[in-house]
Amino acid sequence: MRSLTFDGTLKFQKDTPYPTVPAGEALIRPTLAGICNTDIEIVRGYMGFKGILGHEFVGVVEQADAAPEWVGRRVVGEINAYCGDCPTCRRGDPTQCPHRTTLGIDRRDGTMADAFTLPIKLLYPVSDSVPDEWAVFTEPLAAACEILEQVHIRPTDRVIVLGDGKLGLLIAQVLQLTGCDLLAIGRHQVKLDILARRGIRTALAGEPIEPGADVVVEATGSAAGFAAARSLVRPRGTLVLKSTFHGEVELNLSMVVVDEVTVVGSRCGPFGAALRLLAQRLVDVEPLIHATFPLDEGLAAFEEAVAPGVLKVLLSMG
């Protein structure tokens, strides 16, 4: 089958072996896959992953021996294949399972291929009212929703979202639903205009911003983002970290201690909530789509995805 594979070099292959289907898993034929900033960072060395890339997808189940009722259904799926038996899973934290594999990120081939497998317990059916072009955003939108699972944001809170990339734009739309005093900061006016059209206040990086926010969400995807976010949060405020990238960050932990800042790492989130937001059209993902490439042009798609100012690039399996 065709695939986009990384083994130290990003390659398009036509002769990748078709996956075997482990017990309890489904064989899925993706229709669309999204190129995420994490995929880009993997190509730069993040996580040391080697295999088929991709974790954002919408597709159709072709085989599910343990649950044949799933065959033919259009689905999205969570990315952490957890064991379900360890103490971490039993306490209700399966996304932190120490035995997990992660789709297209850690020891599990991903979605940028003609087919892949995923445990049936991770699948979610997609409503007919949600087209593929929206459904492919379910995973990053769920990651945006995770912030509200971790942090109670009040309508009276002053909240800043740093970063106008794909995830930052989704986070701002989700947090807007709380009614908080929201400001999104980025480097690209055309991206910020997507939020401005939805009534979200925006500012360009470098403009004077009053510090002292109750909550600051760092979604810049860069090492410099932490320092910028730290400068904007008030003492005893909350700093939510969303960026994952290949590299190290310098931290002044002493001032985090002195100011008693709560630092929250935030990763994967609730797929059910994300699908409801899409079905109810409470979040608009269409303006985030920059281009769609066929899988055969996957190398060109990655080149486009890393270009300055580009938002979501999709791969169509066709």
C-alpha atoms as a PDB file:
ATOM      1  CA  MET A   1       0.000   0.000   0.000  1.00  0.00           C
ATOM      2  CA  ARG A   2       0.978   3.672  -0.201  1.00  0.00           C
ATOM      3  CA  SER A   3       2.325   5.454   2.862  1.00  0.00           C
ATOM      4  CA  LEU A   4       4.263   8.455   4.134  1.00  0.00           C
ATOM      5  CA  THR A   5       7.031   6.979   6.252  1.00  0.00           C
ATOM      6  CA  PHE A   6       9.748   8.554   8.373  1.00  0.00           C
ATOM      7  CA  ASP A   7      12.947   6.631   9.102  1.00  0.00           C
ATOM      8  CA  GLY A   8      15.212   9.626   9.562  1.00  0.00           C
ATOM      9  CA  THR A   9      14.085  10.817   6.147  1.00  0.00           C
ATOM     10  CA  LEU A  10      10.508  11.492   5.075  1.00  0.00           C
ATOM     11  CA  LYS A  11       9.596   9.128   2.228  1.00  0.00           C
ATOM     12  CA  PHE A  12       6.581   8.344   0.059  1.00  0.00           C
ATOM     13  CA  GLN A  13       6.372   4.593  -0.498  1.00  0.00           C
ATOM     14  CA  LYS A  14       4.163   2.468  -2.717  1.00  0.00           C
ATOM     15  CA  ASP A  15       5.186  -0.946  -1.366  1.00  0.00           C
ATOM     16  CA  THR A  16       4.506  -0.684   2.374  1.00  0.00           C
ATOM     17  CA  PRO A  17       3.117  -3.985   3.700  1.00  0.00           C
ATOM     18  CA  TYR A  18      -0.620  -3.933   4.383  1.00  0.00           C
ATOM     19  CA  PRO A  19      -1.191  -3.985   8.163  1.00  0.00           C
ATOM     20  CA  THR A  20      -2.290  -7.106   9.966  1.00  0.00           C
ATOM     21  CA  VAL A  21      -5.207  -6.553  12.360  1.00  0.00           C
ATOM     22  CA  PRO A  22      -4.497  -7.425  16.008  1.00  0.00           C
ATOM     23  CA  ALA A  23      -7.260  -8.830  18.195  1.00  0.00           C
ATOM     24  CA  GLY A  24      -9.615  -6.107  19.394  1.00  0.00           C
ATOM     25  CA  GLU A  25      -8.574  -3.674  16.682  1.00  0.00           C
ATOM     26  CA  ALA A  26     -10.185  -2.378  13.502  1.00  0.00           C
ATOM     27  CA  LEU A  27      -8.744  -1.931  10.035  1.00  0.00           C
ATOM     28  CA  ILE A  28      -9.527   1.595   8.879  1.00  0.00           C
ATOM     29  CA  ARG A  29      -9.235   3.125   5.433  1.00  0.00           C
ATOM     30  CA  PRO A  30      -8.695   6.859   5.983  1.00  0.00           C
ATOM     31  CA  THR A  31     -10.312   9.321   3.622  1.00  0.00           C
ATOM     32  CA  LEU A  32      -8.539  12.426   4.971  1.00  0.00           C
ATOM     33  CA  ALA A  33      -5.543  12.906   7.252  1.00  0.00           C
ATOM     34  CA  GLY A  34      -4.257  16.170   8.689  1.00  0.00           C
ATOM     35  CA  ILE A  35      -0.646  17.296   8.916  1.00  0.00           C
ATOM     36  CA  CYS A  36      -0.144  18.455  12.498  1.00  0.00           C
ATOM     37  CA  ASN A  37       2.687  20.493  13.986  1.00  0.00           C
ATOM     38  CA  THR A  38       3.628  17.338  15.897  1.00  0.00           C
ATOM     39  CA  ASP A  39       4.171  15.533  12.573  1.00  0.00           C
ATOM     40  CA  ILE A  40       6.454  18.363  11.479  1.00  0.00           C
ATOM     41  CA  GLU A  41       8.391  18.184  14.755  1.00  0.00           C
ATOM     42  CA  ILE A  42       8.755  14.392  14.396  1.00  0.00           C
ATOM     43  CA  VAL A  43      10.480  14.959  11.057  1.00  0.00           C
ATOM     44  CA  ARG A  44      12.812  17.310  12.959  1.00  0.00           C
ATOM     45  CA  GLY A  45      13.593  14.600  15.532  1.00  0.00           C
ATOM     46  CA  TYR A  46      10.839  14.867  18.153  1.00  0.00           C
ATOM     47  CA  MET A  47      10.117  11.583  19.993  1.00  0.00           C
ATOM     48  CA  GLY A  48      12.589   9.619  17.859  1.00  0.00           C
ATOM     49  CA  PHE A  49       9.639   8.079  15.993  1.00  0.00           C
ATOM     50  CA  LYS A  50      10.153   5.883  12.940  1.00  0.00           C
ATOM     51  CA  GLY A  51       7.223   4.558  10.947  1.00  0.00           C
ATOM     52  CA  ILE A  52       4.112   5.792   9.166  1.00  0.00           C
ATOM     53  CA  LEU A  53       3.229   9.341  10.223  1.00  0.00           C
ATOM     54  CA  GLY A  54      -0.163  10.825  11.088  1.00  0.00           C
ATOM     55  CA  HIS A  55      -2.690  10.840  13.910  1.00  0.00           C
ATOM     56  CA  GLU A  56      -5.477  13.161  12.684  1.00  0.00           C
ATOM     57  CA  PHE A  57      -7.943  11.296  10.491  1.00  0.00           C
ATOM     58  CA  VAL A  58     -11.443  10.488   9.393  1.00  0.00           C
ATOM     59  CA  GLY A  59     -12.071   7.183   7.674  1.00  0.00           C
ATOM     60  CA  VAL A  60     -14.204   4.091   7.194  1.00  0.00           C
ATOM     61  CA  VAL A  61     -13.905   0.832   9.111  1.00  0.00           C
ATOM     62  CA  GLU A  62     -13.165  -2.071   6.749  1.00  0.00           C
ATOM     63  CA  GLN A  63     -12.622  -4.874   9.256  1.00  0.00           C
ATOM     64  CA  ALA A  64     -13.460  -5.313  12.924  1.00  0.00           C
ATOM     65  CA  ASP A  65     -13.704  -8.989  13.788  1.00  0.00           C
ATOM     66  CA  ALA A  66     -14.449  -8.330  17.477  1.00  0.00           C
ATOM     67  CA  ALA A  67     -17.246  -5.845  16.661  1.00  0.00           C
ATOM     68  CA  PRO A  68     -18.524  -6.355  13.097  1.00  0.00           C
ATOM     69  CA  GLU A  69     -21.228  -3.714  13.629  1.00  0.00           C
ATOM     70  CA  TRP A  70     -18.498  -1.094  13.105  1.00  0.00           C
ATOM     71  CA  VAL A  71     -17.750  -2.216   9.543  1.00  0.00           C
ATOM     72  CA  GLY A  72     -18.739   0.436   7.015  1.00  0.00           C
ATOM     73  CA  ARG A  73     -19.077   3.187   9.616  1.00  0.00           C
ATOM     74  CA  ARG A  74     -17.347   6.531   9.227  1.00  0.00           C
ATOM     75  CA  VAL A  75     -15.150   7.138  12.265  1.00  0.00           C
ATOM     76  CA  VAL A  76     -12.535   9.206  14.004  1.00  0.00           C
ATOM     77  CA  GLY A  77     -10.405   7.854  16.822  1.00  0.00           C
ATOM     78  CA  GLU A  78      -8.350   8.658  19.877  1.00  0.00           C
ATOM     79  CA  ILE A  79      -4.627   8.258  19.460  1.00  0.00           C
ATOM     80  CA  ASN A  80      -3.459   6.614  22.715  1.00  0.00           C
ATOM     81  CA  ALA A  81      -3.731   2.820  22.601  1.00  0.00           C
ATOM     82  CA  TYR A  82      -3.755   2.053  26.318  1.00  0.00           C
ATOM     83  CA  CYS A  83      -3.634  -1.327  28.060  1.00  0.00           C
ATOM     84  CA  GLY A  84      -6.674  -0.843  30.319  1.00  0.00           C
ATOM     85  CA  ASP A  85      -5.213  -3.030  33.090  1.00  0.00           C
ATOM     86  CA  CYS A  86      -2.419  -1.067  34.776  1.00  0.00           C
ATOM     87  CA  PRO A  87      -2.918   1.134  37.859  1.00  0.00           C
ATOM     88  CA  THR A  88      -2.852   4.290  35.695  1.00  0.00           C
ATOM     89  CA  CYS A  89      -5.653   3.010  33.468  1.00  0.00           C
ATOM     90  CA  ARG A  90      -7.675   1.696  36.422  1.00  0.00           C
ATOM     91  CA  ARG A  91      -7.586   5.097  38.119  1.00  0.00           C
ATOM     92  CA  GLY A  92      -9.099   6.659  34.980  1.00  0.00           C
ATOM     93  CA  ASP A  93      -6.035   8.103  33.234  1.00  0.00           C
ATOM     94  CA  PRO A  94      -5.722   5.924  30.105  1.00  0.00           C
ATOM     95  CA  THR A  95      -4.056   8.653  28.026  1.00  0.00           C
ATOM     96  CA  GLN A  96      -1.141   8.468  30.493  1.00  0.00           C
ATOM     97  CA  CYS A  97      -0.893   4.661  30.413  1.00  0.00           C
ATOM     98  CA  PRO A  98       2.821   3.795  30.714  1.00  0.00           C
ATOM     99  CA  HIS A  99       2.301   0.914  28.266  1.00  0.00           C
ATOM    100  CA  ARG A 100       0.477   2.949  25.622  1.00  0.00           C
ATOM    101  CA  THR A 101       1.458   3.280  22.018  1.00  0.00           C
ATOM    102  CA  THR A 102       0.496   6.493  20.245  1.00  0.00           C
ATOM    103  CA  LEU A 103      -0.834   6.647  16.711  1.00  0.00           C
ATOM    104  CA  GLY A 104       1.840   7.951  14.362  1.00  0.00           C
ATOM    105  CA  ILE A 105       3.918   9.274  17.280  1.00  0.00           C
ATOM    106  CA  ASP A 106       5.194   6.429  19.453  1.00  0.00           C
ATOM    107  CA  ARG A 107       5.586   2.777  18.391  1.00  0.00           C
ATOM    108  CA  ARG A 108       2.362   2.653  16.333  1.00  0.00           C
ATOM    109  CA  ASP A 109       2.077   3.295  12.611  1.00  0.00           C
ATOM    110  CA  GLY A 110      -0.124   6.246  11.764  1.00  0.00           C
ATOM    111  CA  THR A 111      -2.824   7.372   9.403  1.00  0.00           C
ATOM    112  CA  MET A 112      -0.931   8.672   6.355  1.00  0.00           C
ATOM    113  CA  ALA A 113      -1.406   5.467   4.412  1.00  0.00           C
ATOM    114  CA  ASP A 114      -4.059   3.514   2.549  1.00  0.00           C
ATOM    115  CA  ALA A 115      -4.914   1.670   5.775  1.00  0.00           C
ATOM    116  CA  PHE A 116      -4.015   1.457   9.460  1.00  0.00           C
ATOM    117  CA  THR A 117      -5.277  -0.237  12.607  1.00  0.00           C
ATOM    118  CA  LEU A 118      -6.602   1.142  15.880  1.00  0.00           C
ATOM    119  CA  PRO A 119      -8.285  -0.471  18.906  1.00  0.00           C
ATOM    120  CA  ILE A 120     -12.057  -0.524  18.482  1.00  0.00           C
ATOM    121  CA  LYS A 121     -12.465   0.987  21.965  1.00  0.00           C
ATOM    122  CA  LEU A 122     -10.855   4.204  20.652  1.00  0.00           C
ATOM    123  CA  LEU A 123     -13.326   4.750  17.779  1.00  0.00           C
ATOM    124  CA  TYR A 124     -16.142   7.318  17.580  1.00  0.00           C
ATOM    125  CA  PRO A 125     -18.854   7.355  14.906  1.00  0.00           C
ATOM    126  CA  VAL A 126     -19.167  10.563  12.904  1.00  0.00           C
ATOM    127  CA  SER A 127     -22.590  12.114  12.385  1.00  0.00           C
ATOM    128  CA  ASP A 128     -23.836  12.538   8.819  1.00  0.00           C
ATOM    129  CA  SER A 129     -24.070  16.273   9.560  1.00  0.00           C
ATOM    130  CA  VAL A 130     -20.283  16.506   9.933  1.00  0.00           C
ATOM    131  CA  PRO A 131     -18.423  16.329   6.592  1.00  0.00           C
ATOM    132  CA  ASP A 132     -15.002  14.738   6.349  1.00  0.00           C
ATOM    133  CA  GLU A 133     -13.332  18.157   6.072  1.00  0.00           C
ATOM    134  CA  TRP A 134     -14.649  19.004   9.533  1.00  0.00           C
ATOM    135  CA  ALA A 135     -14.289  15.582  11.124  1.00  0.00           C
ATOM    136  CA  VAL A 136     -10.560  15.437  10.397  1.00  0.00           C
ATOM    137  CA  PHE A 137     -10.176  18.254  12.965  1.00  0.00           C
ATOM    138  CA  THR A 138     -11.685  16.171  15.792  1.00  0.00           C
ATOM    139  CA  GLU A 139      -8.371  15.239  17.419  1.00  0.00           C
ATOM    140  CA  PRO A 140      -6.903  18.773  17.639  1.00  0.00           C
ATOM    141  CA  LEU A 141     -10.297  20.180  18.617  1.00  0.00           C
ATOM    142  CA  ALA A 142     -10.486  17.607  21.413  1.00  0.00           C
ATOM    143  CA  ALA A 143      -7.053  18.790  22.553  1.00  0.00           C
ATOM    144  CA  ALA A 144      -8.458  22.324  22.716  1.00  0.00           C
ATOM    145  CA  CYS A 145     -11.435  21.081  24.755  1.00  0.00           C
ATOM    146  CA  GLU A 146      -9.073  19.392  27.206  1.00  0.00           C
ATOM    147  CA  ILE A 147      -8.188  22.786  28.678  1.00  0.00           C
ATOM    148  CA  LEU A 148     -11.722  23.104  30.035  1.00  0.00           C
ATOM    149  CA  GLU A 149     -11.441  19.610  31.519  1.00  0.00           C
ATOM    150  CA  GLN A 150      -8.350  20.714  33.459  1.00  0.00           C
ATOM    151  CA  VAL A 151      -8.940  24.394  34.277  1.00  0.00           C
ATOM    152  CA  HIS A 152     -12.137  26.065  35.463  1.00  0.00           C
ATOM    153  CA  ILE A 153     -12.406  29.247  33.389  1.00  0.00           C
ATOM    154  CA  ARG A 154     -14.994  31.692  34.651  1.00  0.00           C
ATOM    155  CA  PRO A 155     -16.831  34.274  32.561  1.00  0.00           C
ATOM    156  CA  THR A 156     -15.084  36.921  34.678  1.00  0.00           C
ATOM    157  CA  ASP A 157     -11.576  35.586  33.982  1.00  0.00           C
ATOM    158  CA  ARG A 158      -9.121  37.394  31.765  1.00  0.00           C
ATOM    159  CA  VAL A 159      -7.637  34.811  29.396  1.00  0.00           C
ATOM    160  CA  ILE A 160      -4.871  35.110  26.783  1.00  0.00           C
ATOM    161  CA  VAL A 161      -4.164  32.561  24.050  1.00  0.00           C
ATOM    162  CA  LEU A 162      -0.645  32.838  22.641  1.00  0.00           C
ATOM    163  CA  GLY A 163      -0.231  31.453  19.135  1.00  0.00           C
ATOM    164  CA  ASP A 164      -2.243  31.779  15.924  1.00  0.00           C
ATOM    165  CA  GLY A 165      -1.463  28.377  14.473  1.00  0.00           C
ATOM    166  CA  LYS A 166      -4.035  25.661  13.899  1.00  0.00           C
ATOM    167  CA  LEU A 167      -4.298  24.663  17.550  1.00  0.00           C
ATOM    168  CA  GLY A 168      -4.249  28.225  18.851  1.00  0.00           C
ATOM    169  CA  LEU A 169      -7.178  29.171  16.601  1.00  0.00           C
ATOM    170  CA  LEU A 170      -9.176  26.156  17.818  1.00  0.00           C
ATOM    171  CA  ILE A 171      -8.357  26.888  21.466  1.00  0.00           C
ATOM    172  CA  ALA A 172      -9.523  30.487  21.153  1.00  0.00           C
ATOM    173  CA  GLN A 173     -12.848  29.398  19.647  1.00  0.00           C
ATOM    174  CA  VAL A 174     -13.418  26.853  22.422  1.00  0.00           C
ATOM    175  CA  LEU A 175     -12.532  29.271  25.224  1.00  0.00           C
ATOM    176  CA  GLN A 176     -14.786  31.935  23.709  1.00  0.00           C
ATOM    177  CA  LEU A 177     -17.724  29.674  24.622  1.00  0.00           C
ATOM    178  CA  THR A 178     -17.013  30.280  28.334  1.00  0.00           C
ATOM    179  CA  GLY A 179     -17.783  34.000  27.977  1.00  0.00           C
ATOM    180  CA  CYS A 180     -14.390  34.939  29.422  1.00  0.00           C
ATOM    181  CA  ASP A 181     -12.527  38.164  28.635  1.00  0.00           C
ATOM    182  CA  LEU A 182     -10.474  36.628  25.828  1.00  0.00           C
ATOM    183  CA  LEU A 183      -7.506  37.912  23.835  1.00  0.00           C
ATOM    184  CA  ALA A 184      -5.654  35.955  21.127  1.00  0.00           C
ATOM    185  CA  ILE A 185      -2.106  36.999  20.247  1.00  0.00           C
ATOM    186  CA  GLY A 186      -0.290  35.913  17.103  1.00  0.00           C
ATOM    187  CA  ARG A 187       2.154  36.900  14.394  1.00  0.00           C
ATOM    188  CA  HIS A 188      -0.096  36.771  11.334  1.00  0.00           C
ATOM    189  CA  GLN A 189      -2.926  39.246  10.881  1.00  0.00           C
ATOM    190  CA  VAL A 190      -4.658  37.068   8.288  1.00  0.00           C
ATOM    191  CA  LYS A 191      -4.877  34.235  10.813  1.00  0.00           C
ATOM    192  CA  LEU A 192      -6.040  36.491  13.630  1.00  0.00           C
ATOM    193  CA  ASP A 193      -8.736  37.827  11.312  1.00  0.00           C
ATOM    194  CA  ILE A 194     -10.356  34.368  11.406  1.00  0.00           C
ATOM    195  CA  LEU A 195     -10.941  34.924  15.114  1.00  0.00           C
ATOM    196  CA  ALA A 196     -11.831  38.593  14.771  1.00  0.00           C
ATOM    197  CA  ARG A 197     -14.693  37.637  12.449  1.00  0.00           C
ATOM    198  CA  ARG A 198     -16.052  35.531  15.309  1.00  0.00           C
ATOM    199  CA  GLY A 199     -15.918  38.453  17.740  1.00  0.00           C
ATOM    200  CA  ILE A 200     -12.670  37.456  19.469  1.00  0.00           C
ATOM    201  CA  ARG A 201     -10.260  40.273  20.352  1.00  0.00           C
ATOM    202  CA  THR A 202      -6.820  39.880  18.817  1.00  0.00           C
ATOM    203  CA  ALA A 203      -3.408  41.517  18.933  1.00  0.00           C
ATOM    204  CA  LEU A 204      -0.192  41.102  17.001  1.00  0.00           C
ATOM    205  CA  ALA A 205       2.883  39.908  18.856  1.00  0.00           C
ATOM    206  CA  GLY A 206       4.972  42.916  19.786  1.00  0.00           C
ATOM    207  CA  GLU A 207       2.020  45.161  20.548  1.00  0.00           C
ATOM    208  CA  PRO A 208       1.885  46.345  24.175  1.00  0.00           C
ATOM    209  CA  ILE A 209      -0.217  43.888  26.172  1.00  0.00           C
ATOM    210  CA  GLU A 210      -1.228  44.470  29.766  1.00  0.00           C
ATOM    211  CA  PRO A 211       0.099  41.580  31.902  1.00  0.00           C
ATOM    212  CA  GLY A 212      -1.789  40.006  34.780  1.00  0.00           C
ATOM    213  CA  ALA A 213      -4.061  37.542  32.979  1.00  0.00           C
ATOM    214  CA  ASP A 214      -5.787  34.915  35.101  1.00  0.00           C
ATOM    215  CA  VAL A 215      -5.069  32.189  32.534  1.00  0.00           C
ATOM    216  CA  VAL A 216      -2.527  32.163  29.708  1.00  0.00           C
ATOM    217  CA  VAL A 217      -2.525  29.338  27.151  1.00  0.00           C
ATOM    218  CA  GLU A 218       0.797  28.831  25.370  1.00  0.00           C
ATOM    219  CA  ALA A 219       0.241  27.354  21.894  1.00  0.00           C
ATOM    220  CA  THR A 220       3.007  28.970  19.868  1.00  0.00           C
ATOM    221  CA  GLY A 221       4.839  25.751  19.039  1.00  0.00           C
ATOM    222  CA  SER A 222       8.144  27.454  19.850  1.00  0.00           C
ATOM    223  CA  ALA A 223      10.603  27.514  22.727  1.00  0.00           C
ATOM    224  CA  ALA A 224      10.177  31.286  23.066  1.00  0.00           C
ATOM    225  CA  GLY A 225       6.487  30.872  23.799  1.00  0.00           C
ATOM    226  CA  PHE A 226       6.951  29.857  27.422  1.00  0.00           C
ATOM    227  CA  ALA A 227       8.796  33.033  28.393  1.00  0.00           C
ATOM    228  CA  ALA A 228       6.195  35.161  26.618  1.00  0.00           C
ATOM    229  CA  ALA A 229       3.350  33.351  28.335  1.00  0.00           C
ATOM    230  CA  ARG A 230       5.061  33.537  31.727  1.00  0.00           C
ATOM    231  CA  SER A 231       5.386  37.316  31.406  1.00  0.00           C
ATOM    232  CA  LEU A 232       1.637  37.705  30.919  1.00  0.00           C
ATOM    233  CA  VAL A 233       0.192  35.549  33.708  1.00  0.00           C
ATOM    234  CA  ARG A 234      -0.584  37.092  37.098  1.00  0.00           C
ATOM    235  CA  PRO A 235       0.768  35.811  40.429  1.00  0.00           C
ATOM    236  CA  ARG A 236      -1.281  32.772  41.426  1.00  0.00           C
ATOM    237  CA  GLY A 237      -2.566  32.595  37.863  1.00  0.00           C
ATOM    238  CA  THR A 238      -2.573  29.529  35.619  1.00  0.00           C
ATOM    239  CA  LEU A 239      -0.251  28.822  32.705  1.00  0.00           C
ATOM    240  CA  VAL A 240      -1.467  26.118  30.292  1.00  0.00           C
ATOM    241  CA  LEU A 241       1.221  24.598  28.069  1.00  0.00           C
ATOM    242  CA  LYS A 242       0.124  23.105  24.742  1.00  0.00           C
ATOM    243  CA  SER A 243       3.284  23.227  22.607  1.00  0.00           C
ATOM    244  CA  THR A 244       5.247  20.087  21.756  1.00  0.00           C
ATOM    245  CA  PHE A 245       8.451  20.529  19.790  1.00  0.00           C
ATOM    246  CA  HIS A 246      11.934  19.134  19.306  1.00  0.00           C
ATOM    247  CA  GLY A 247      14.206  21.094  21.616  1.00  0.00           C
ATOM    248  CA  GLU A 248      14.739  22.366  25.141  1.00  0.00           C
ATOM    249  CA  VAL A 249      13.267  25.332  27.032  1.00  0.00           C
ATOM    250  CA  GLU A 250      15.024  27.484  29.613  1.00  0.00           C
ATOM    251  CA  LEU A 251      12.887  27.948  32.717  1.00  0.00           C
ATOM    252  CA  ASN A 252      13.193  30.393  35.591  1.00  0.00           C
ATOM    253  CA  LEU A 253      11.485  28.115  38.058  1.00  0.00           C
ATOM    254  CA  SER A 254      12.336  30.357  41.000  1.00  0.00           C
ATOM    255  CA  MET A 255       9.904  33.039  39.834  1.00  0.00           C
ATOM    256  CA  VAL A 256       7.261  30.403  39.122  1.00  0.00           C
ATOM    257  CA  VAL A 257       7.642  29.468  42.792  1.00  0.00           C
ATOM    258  CA  VAL A 258       7.702  33.063  44.049  1.00  0.00           C
ATOM    259  CA  ASP A 259       4.587  34.005  42.043  1.00  0.00           C
ATOM    260  CA  GLU A 260       2.902  30.674  42.895  1.00  0.00           C
ATOM    261  CA  VAL A 261       1.945  30.129  39.267  1.00  0.00           C
ATOM    262  CA  THR A 262       0.077  26.932  38.454  1.00  0.00           C
ATOM    263  CA  VAL A 263       1.586  25.263  35.379  1.00  0.00           C
ATOM    264  CA  VAL A 264      -0.682  22.802  33.565  1.00  0.00           C
ATOM    265  CA  GLY A 265       0.552  20.517  30.826  1.00  0.00           C
ATOM    266  CA  SER A 266      -2.330  19.820  28.460  1.00  0.00           C
ATOM    267  CA  ARG A 267      -2.463  17.186  25.758  1.00  0.00           C
ATOM    268  CA  CYS A 268      -5.219  14.967  24.353  1.00  0.00           C
ATOM    269  CA  GLY A 269      -8.885  15.605  25.073  1.00  0.00           C
ATOM    270  CA  PRO A 270     -12.533  14.476  24.858  1.00  0.00           C
ATOM    271  CA  PHE A 271     -13.575  13.351  21.371  1.00  0.00           C
ATOM    272  CA  GLY A 272     -17.282  13.308  22.197  1.00  0.00           C
ATOM    273  CA  ALA A 273     -17.224  16.985  23.117  1.00  0.00           C
ATOM    274  CA  ALA A 274     -15.274  17.885  19.986  1.00  0.00           C
ATOM    275  CA  LEU A 275     -17.717  16.040  17.727  1.00  0.00           C
ATOM    276  CA  ARG A 276     -20.664  17.817  19.379  1.00  0.00           C
ATOM    277  CA  LEU A 277     -19.066  21.222  18.818  1.00  0.00           C
ATOM    278  CA  LEU A 278     -18.591  20.365  15.149  1.00  0.00           C
ATOM    279  CA  ALA A 279     -22.126  19.006  14.738  1.00  0.00           C
ATOM    280  CA  GLN A 280     -23.613  22.093  16.426  1.00  0.00           C
ATOM    281  CA  ARG A 281     -21.361  24.411  14.381  1.00  0.00           C
ATOM    282  CA  LEU A 282     -20.089  26.121  17.512  1.00  0.00           C
ATOM    283  CA  VAL A 283     -16.529  25.951  16.155  1.00  0.00           C
ATOM    284  CA  ASP A 284     -15.663  26.802  12.550  1.00  0.00           C
ATOM    285  CA  VAL A 285     -12.779  24.791  11.095  1.00  0.00           C
ATOM    286  CA  GLU A 286     -13.190  25.480   7.383  1.00  0.00           C
ATOM    287  CA  PRO A 287     -11.162  28.733   7.428  1.00  0.00           C
ATOM    288  CA  LEU A 288      -8.250  26.742   8.871  1.00  0.00           C
ATOM    289  CA  ILE A 289      -7.901  24.559   5.748  1.00  0.00           C
ATOM    290  CA  HIS A 290      -5.070  25.883   3.598  1.00  0.00           C
ATOM    291  CA  ALA A 291      -4.776  23.116   1.006  1.00  0.00           C
ATOM    292  CA  THR A 292      -5.547  19.460   0.278  1.00  0.00           C
ATOM    293  CA  PHE A 293      -2.991  17.218  -1.439  1.00  0.00           C
ATOM    294  CA  PRO A 294      -3.380  13.635  -2.678  1.00  0.00           C
ATOM    295  CA  LEU A 295      -1.363  11.125  -0.661  1.00  0.00           C
ATOM    296  CA  ASP A 296       0.894  10.578  -3.668  1.00  0.00           C
ATOM    297  CA  GLU A 297       2.018  14.208  -3.276  1.00  0.00           C
ATOM    298  CA  GLY A 298       2.645  13.851   0.442  1.00  0.00           C
ATOM    299  CA  LEU A 299       6.224  15.134   0.283  1.00  0.00           C
ATOM    300  CA  ALA A 300       5.017  18.326  -1.396  1.00  0.00           C
ATOM    301  CA  ALA A 301       2.258  18.566   1.212  1.00  0.00           C
ATOM    302  CA  PHE A 302       4.828  18.574   4.021  1.00  0.00           C
ATOM    303  CA  GLU A 303       6.861  21.229   2.242  1.00  0.00           C
ATOM    304  CA  GLU A 304       3.728  23.359   2.034  1.00  0.00           C
ATOM    305  CA  ALA A 305       2.817  22.697   5.672  1.00  0.00           C
ATOM    306  CA  VAL A 306       6.105  24.137   6.970  1.00  0.00           C
ATOM    307  CA  ALA A 307       5.884  27.308   4.874  1.00  0.00           C
ATOM    308  CA  PRO A 308       5.379  30.540   6.868  1.00  0.00           C
ATOM    309  CA  GLY A 309       1.774  31.506   7.464  1.00  0.00           C
ATOM    310  CA  VAL A 310       0.287  28.178   6.372  1.00  0.00           C
ATOM    311  CA  LEU A 311      -2.531  26.658   8.412  1.00  0.00           C
ATOM    312  CA  LYS A 312      -3.926  23.124   7.976  1.00  0.00           C
ATOM    313  CA  VAL A 313      -2.730  20.993   5.101  1.00  0.00           C
ATOM    314  CA  LEU A 314      -4.785  17.852   4.491  1.00  0.00           C
ATOM    315  CA  LEU A 315      -3.949  14.610   2.699  1.00  0.00           C
ATOM    316  CA  SER A 316      -6.660  12.920   0.649  1.00  0.00           C
ATOM    317  CA  MET A 317      -6.303   9.163   0.204  1.00  0.00           C
ATOM    318  CA  GLY A 318      -8.523   9.207  -2.888  1.00  0.00           C
END
